[in-house]
Structures are given as C-alpha cells and as structure tokens.
Amino acid sequence: MKELLKDFNVITVVKVRWGDMDAYQHVNNVIYVNWGEVARIDYFIALESGAFLFAPNKLKYAPILGFQSVKYIAPLVYPDTIHIGTKTEEIKDDRVVLKSFYYSENTKKLVAIKTHEVIIFDYKTNQKILVPEELIFKINNLEKK
C-alpha cells in the first residue's frame, strides 16, 4: 500500500461497512462520493486552514464544492479498507481542482478516481472569489513535502 500512496501527502483511510453495499452486492456509488467528502475535508485540514471549514460566518472565505465526478474502475465489497490519496491537480484563477485516488487494501489496486473542483466563497459578499494567494502558498507548501 505504501508504494501506491507515495505521491500523496494527504491520505484518508476508510473501512468499507456491510451497509455500504447495495442490492448488487458491491459498494454503492454514492458511498464513493461520501468518502470523497471526507478526503476533501482532510485535505483542507492538512493545509492548516481547516478552521475555516467549520466557522464560515467568522472568516473571510471558505471552500465550496462547485463540481465533482467519480470514475469507477473496479467494484468494492465488504470487508475492505480503502486508502484515498488526495492532491491538488491544478489551481485555476477561481478554483482549486483536487484529485482523490481510491485504493483497495484487499486488491492493492486503484478502484476509483474522484475530481473535486472547489471554489472559494466569500460569505460577506455572497460571491465566489479568486483563489487567495495565502491559500495558493499553503497548497504549494503541502504538495512539495
């Protein structure tokens, strides 16, 4: 597992629960979206700016999911443990594009890839804003560790 995750500075580990499976006896697609949310929050916490996720009315800005997609590569079943490596793929003027790579501990293979496009939202003006330089700096520091 270590070799598969060597390119990631933020890793989220989740256990597949029996109830995550659907009538077709594999993990339901919506569960991957939920795991991606956990991975995205872990990423922002790792930036040492995680506090802005929990008190948006007291802060200048906060990240908001603007778009997401999941590419399903292989089905998962209970029991398993999933290791999700998350990193910034691109910083655009008005958004940060994260990618999360889901690896199965049982198969030691990539099973899904999630794209998260995160916009930065100013709660005082109720508008999206350009990605702040301080956030770009924190992302660059995290990614080069």
C-alpha atoms as a PDB file:
ATOM      1  CA  MET A   1       0.000   0.000   0.000  1.00  0.00           C
ATOM      2  CA  LYS A   2       2.840   2.341   0.879  1.00  0.00           C
ATOM      3  CA  GLU A   3       4.230   2.280  -2.661  1.00  0.00           C
ATOM      4  CA  LEU A   4       0.816   3.073  -4.193  1.00  0.00           C
ATOM      5  CA  LEU A   5       0.411   6.125  -1.950  1.00  0.00           C
ATOM      6  CA  LYS A   6       3.956   7.521  -2.129  1.00  0.00           C
ATOM      7  CA  ASP A   7       2.911  10.535  -4.244  1.00  0.00           C
ATOM      8  CA  PHE A   8       0.332  11.764  -1.722  1.00  0.00           C
ATOM      9  CA  ASN A   9       0.851  13.938   1.345  1.00  0.00           C
ATOM     10  CA  VAL A  10      -2.757  13.592   2.444  1.00  0.00           C
ATOM     11  CA  ILE A  11      -4.184  10.093   2.878  1.00  0.00           C
ATOM     12  CA  THR A  12      -7.611   9.203   4.226  1.00  0.00           C
ATOM     13  CA  VAL A  13      -8.382   5.662   5.368  1.00  0.00           C
ATOM     14  CA  VAL A  14     -11.955   4.364   5.464  1.00  0.00           C
ATOM     15  CA  LYS A  15     -13.316   0.943   6.242  1.00  0.00           C
ATOM     16  CA  VAL A  16     -15.984  -0.487   3.996  1.00  0.00           C
ATOM     17  CA  ARG A  17     -19.079  -1.196   6.081  1.00  0.00           C
ATOM     18  CA  TRP A  18     -21.525  -4.001   5.370  1.00  0.00           C
ATOM     19  CA  GLY A  19     -24.250  -1.389   4.861  1.00  0.00           C
ATOM     20  CA  ASP A  20     -22.196   0.361   2.153  1.00  0.00           C
ATOM     21  CA  MET A  21     -23.124  -2.425  -0.253  1.00  0.00           C
ATOM     22  CA  ASP A  22     -26.300  -2.314  -2.311  1.00  0.00           C
ATOM     23  CA  ALA A  23     -28.622  -4.965  -3.742  1.00  0.00           C
ATOM     24  CA  TYR A  24     -26.000  -5.812  -6.371  1.00  0.00           C
ATOM     25  CA  GLN A  25     -23.620  -6.749  -3.535  1.00  0.00           C
ATOM     26  CA  HIS A  26     -20.951  -4.149  -4.180  1.00  0.00           C
ATOM     27  CA  VAL A  27     -20.331  -0.734  -2.624  1.00  0.00           C
ATOM     28  CA  ASN A  28     -22.972   1.707  -3.847  1.00  0.00           C
ATOM     29  CA  ASN A  29     -21.683   4.568  -6.000  1.00  0.00           C
ATOM     30  CA  VAL A  30     -22.911   7.267  -3.610  1.00  0.00           C
ATOM     31  CA  ILE A  31     -20.571   5.908  -0.909  1.00  0.00           C
ATOM     32  CA  TYR A  32     -17.560   6.885  -3.037  1.00  0.00           C
ATOM     33  CA  VAL A  33     -18.916  10.447  -3.070  1.00  0.00           C
ATOM     34  CA  ASN A  34     -19.210  10.396   0.737  1.00  0.00           C
ATOM     35  CA  TRP A  35     -15.664   9.083   1.102  1.00  0.00           C
ATOM     36  CA  GLY A  36     -14.507  11.836  -1.267  1.00  0.00           C
ATOM     37  CA  GLU A  37     -16.048  14.447   1.004  1.00  0.00           C
ATOM     38  CA  VAL A  38     -14.104  13.047   3.955  1.00  0.00           C
ATOM     39  CA  ALA A  39     -10.902  13.079   1.875  1.00  0.00           C
ATOM     40  CA  ARG A  40     -11.518  16.680   0.732  1.00  0.00           C
ATOM     41  CA  ILE A  41     -12.039  17.880   4.317  1.00  0.00           C
ATOM     42  CA  ASP A  42      -8.900  16.001   5.416  1.00  0.00           C
ATOM     43  CA  TYR A  43      -7.007  17.805   2.648  1.00  0.00           C
ATOM     44  CA  PHE A  44      -8.121  21.259   3.807  1.00  0.00           C
ATOM     45  CA  ILE A  45      -7.368  20.396   7.419  1.00  0.00           C
ATOM     46  CA  ALA A  46      -3.866  19.367   6.314  1.00  0.00           C
ATOM     47  CA  LEU A  47      -3.419  22.854   4.853  1.00  0.00           C
ATOM     48  CA  GLU A  48      -3.565  24.133   8.448  1.00  0.00           C
ATOM     49  CA  SER A  49      -6.509  26.223   7.445  1.00  0.00           C
ATOM     50  CA  GLY A  50      -9.093  23.652   8.356  1.00  0.00           C
ATOM     51  CA  ALA A  51     -10.629  26.022  10.882  1.00  0.00           C
ATOM     52  CA  PHE A  52     -12.296  27.943   8.064  1.00  0.00           C
ATOM     53  CA  LEU A  53     -14.317  24.868   7.197  1.00  0.00           C
ATOM     54  CA  PHE A  54     -16.238  24.959  10.438  1.00  0.00           C
ATOM     55  CA  ALA A  55     -16.994  28.643  11.062  1.00  0.00           C
ATOM     56  CA  PRO A  56     -17.607  30.344   7.708  1.00  0.00           C
ATOM     57  CA  ASN A  57     -19.531  33.266   9.226  1.00  0.00           C
ATOM     58  CA  LYS A  58     -16.406  34.328  11.181  1.00  0.00           C
ATOM     59  CA  LEU A  59     -13.921  34.068   8.319  1.00  0.00           C
ATOM     60  CA  LYS A  60     -13.061  35.854   5.132  1.00  0.00           C
ATOM     61  CA  TYR A  61     -13.706  32.890   2.856  1.00  0.00           C
ATOM     62  CA  ALA A  62     -14.399  29.167   2.716  1.00  0.00           C
ATOM     63  CA  PRO A  63     -14.143  26.356   0.165  1.00  0.00           C
ATOM     64  CA  ILE A  64     -17.346  25.185  -1.509  1.00  0.00           C
ATOM     65  CA  LEU A  65     -17.659  22.233  -3.835  1.00  0.00           C
ATOM     66  CA  GLY A  66     -18.541  23.522  -7.297  1.00  0.00           C
ATOM     67  CA  PHE A  67     -18.253  20.283  -9.274  1.00  0.00           C
ATOM     68  CA  GLN A  68     -17.478  16.642  -8.638  1.00  0.00           C
ATOM     69  CA  SER A  69     -17.163  13.476 -10.646  1.00  0.00           C
ATOM     70  CA  VAL A  70     -16.163   9.925  -9.870  1.00  0.00           C
ATOM     71  CA  LYS A  71     -14.623   7.465 -12.302  1.00  0.00           C
ATOM     72  CA  TYR A  72     -15.409   3.945 -11.103  1.00  0.00           C
ATOM     73  CA  ILE A  73     -12.702   1.461 -12.049  1.00  0.00           C
ATOM     74  CA  ALA A  74     -13.438  -1.694 -10.052  1.00  0.00           C
ATOM     75  CA  PRO A  75     -16.205  -2.719  -7.639  1.00  0.00           C
ATOM     76  CA  LEU A  76     -15.612  -2.952  -3.908  1.00  0.00           C
ATOM     77  CA  VAL A  77     -17.151  -5.328  -1.402  1.00  0.00           C
ATOM     78  CA  TYR A  78     -17.208  -5.748   2.348  1.00  0.00           C
ATOM     79  CA  PRO A  79     -14.850  -6.264   4.106  1.00  0.00           C
ATOM     80  CA  ASP A  80     -12.110  -3.975   2.806  1.00  0.00           C
ATOM     81  CA  THR A  81     -10.191  -0.880   3.780  1.00  0.00           C
ATOM     82  CA  ILE A  82      -9.837   1.959   1.285  1.00  0.00           C
ATOM     83  CA  HIS A  83      -6.864   4.321   1.220  1.00  0.00           C
ATOM     84  CA  ILE A  84      -7.607   7.611  -0.515  1.00  0.00           C
ATOM     85  CA  GLY A  85      -4.711   9.805  -1.592  1.00  0.00           C
ATOM     86  CA  THR A  86      -5.716  13.403  -2.333  1.00  0.00           C
ATOM     87  CA  LYS A  87      -3.686  16.112  -4.018  1.00  0.00           C
ATOM     88  CA  THR A  88      -4.126  19.349  -5.915  1.00  0.00           C
ATOM     89  CA  GLU A  89      -4.123  18.745  -9.635  1.00  0.00           C
ATOM     90  CA  GLU A  90      -4.490  22.372 -10.713  1.00  0.00           C
ATOM     91  CA  ILE A  91      -5.027  25.846  -9.323  1.00  0.00           C
ATOM     92  CA  LYS A  92      -7.135  27.982 -11.634  1.00  0.00           C
ATOM     93  CA  ASP A  93      -7.937  31.656 -11.086  1.00  0.00           C
ATOM     94  CA  ASP A  94     -11.291  30.902  -9.481  1.00  0.00           C
ATOM     95  CA  ARG A  95     -10.985  27.305  -8.252  1.00  0.00           C
ATOM     96  CA  VAL A  96      -8.759  24.547  -6.937  1.00  0.00           C
ATOM     97  CA  VAL A  97      -9.012  21.172  -8.655  1.00  0.00           C
ATOM     98  CA  LEU A  98      -8.313  18.223  -6.361  1.00  0.00           C
ATOM     99  CA  LYS A  99      -7.986  14.575  -7.340  1.00  0.00           C
ATOM    100  CA  SER A 100      -8.576  11.680  -4.973  1.00  0.00           C
ATOM    101  CA  PHE A 101      -7.314   8.220  -5.847  1.00  0.00           C
ATOM    102  CA  TYR A 102      -9.045   5.311  -4.097  1.00  0.00           C
ATOM    103  CA  TYR A 103      -7.014   2.142  -3.488  1.00  0.00           C
ATOM    104  CA  SER A 104      -8.336  -1.146  -2.139  1.00  0.00           C
ATOM    105  CA  GLU A 105      -6.278  -2.750   0.604  1.00  0.00           C
ATOM    106  CA  ASN A 106      -7.582  -6.182  -0.415  1.00  0.00           C
ATOM    107  CA  THR A 107      -6.672  -5.974  -4.101  1.00  0.00           C
ATOM    108  CA  LYS A 108      -3.838  -3.425  -3.850  1.00  0.00           C
ATOM    109  CA  LYS A 109      -5.339  -1.714  -6.919  1.00  0.00           C
ATOM    110  CA  LEU A 110      -6.805   1.626  -7.901  1.00  0.00           C
ATOM    111  CA  VAL A 111     -10.601   1.332  -7.763  1.00  0.00           C
ATOM    112  CA  ALA A 112     -11.815   4.911  -8.363  1.00  0.00           C
ATOM    113  CA  ILE A 113     -10.711   8.473  -9.053  1.00  0.00           C
ATOM    114  CA  LYS A 114     -12.666  11.489  -7.852  1.00  0.00           C
ATOM    115  CA  THR A 115     -12.332  15.035  -9.173  1.00  0.00           C
ATOM    116  CA  HIS A 116     -13.327  17.881  -6.838  1.00  0.00           C
ATOM    117  CA  GLU A 117     -13.482  21.444  -8.156  1.00  0.00           C
ATOM    118  CA  VAL A 118     -13.527  23.715  -5.133  1.00  0.00           C
ATOM    119  CA  ILE A 119     -14.445  27.358  -5.440  1.00  0.00           C
ATOM    120  CA  ILE A 120     -13.603  29.875  -2.751  1.00  0.00           C
ATOM    121  CA  PHE A 121     -16.659  31.658  -1.438  1.00  0.00           C
ATOM    122  CA  ASP A 122     -16.799  34.984   0.383  1.00  0.00           C
ATOM    123  CA  TYR A 123     -19.682  34.814   2.853  1.00  0.00           C
ATOM    124  CA  LYS A 124     -19.684  38.572   3.425  1.00  0.00           C
ATOM    125  CA  THR A 125     -20.399  39.359  -0.231  1.00  0.00           C
ATOM    126  CA  ASN A 126     -22.104  36.034  -1.049  1.00  0.00           C
ATOM    127  CA  GLN A 127     -19.894  35.581  -4.102  1.00  0.00           C
ATOM    128  CA  LYS A 128     -17.109  33.359  -5.265  1.00  0.00           C
ATOM    129  CA  ILE A 129     -13.696  34.998  -5.246  1.00  0.00           C
ATOM    130  CA  LEU A 130     -10.346  34.381  -6.874  1.00  0.00           C
ATOM    131  CA  VAL A 131      -8.197  31.816  -5.098  1.00  0.00           C
ATOM    132  CA  PRO A 132      -6.341  33.829  -2.425  1.00  0.00           C
ATOM    133  CA  GLU A 133      -2.541  33.968  -2.593  1.00  0.00           C
ATOM    134  CA  GLU A 134      -2.300  32.721   1.013  1.00  0.00           C
ATOM    135  CA  LEU A 135      -4.217  29.569   0.052  1.00  0.00           C
ATOM    136  CA  ILE A 136      -2.042  29.013  -3.030  1.00  0.00           C
ATOM    137  CA  PHE A 137       1.030  29.340  -0.804  1.00  0.00           C
ATOM    138  CA  LYS A 138      -0.327  26.748   1.664  1.00  0.00           C
ATOM    139  CA  ILE A 139      -1.205  24.334  -1.148  1.00  0.00           C
ATOM    140  CA  ASN A 140       2.242  24.652  -2.692  1.00  0.00           C
ATOM    141  CA  ASN A 141       3.867  24.026   0.698  1.00  0.00           C
ATOM    142  CA  LEU A 142       1.751  20.948   1.340  1.00  0.00           C
ATOM    143  CA  GLU A 143       2.306  19.480  -2.117  1.00  0.00           C
ATOM    144  CA  LYS A 144       6.102  19.748  -2.020  1.00  0.00           C
ATOM    145  CA  LYS A 145       6.535  17.983   1.341  1.00  0.00           C
END
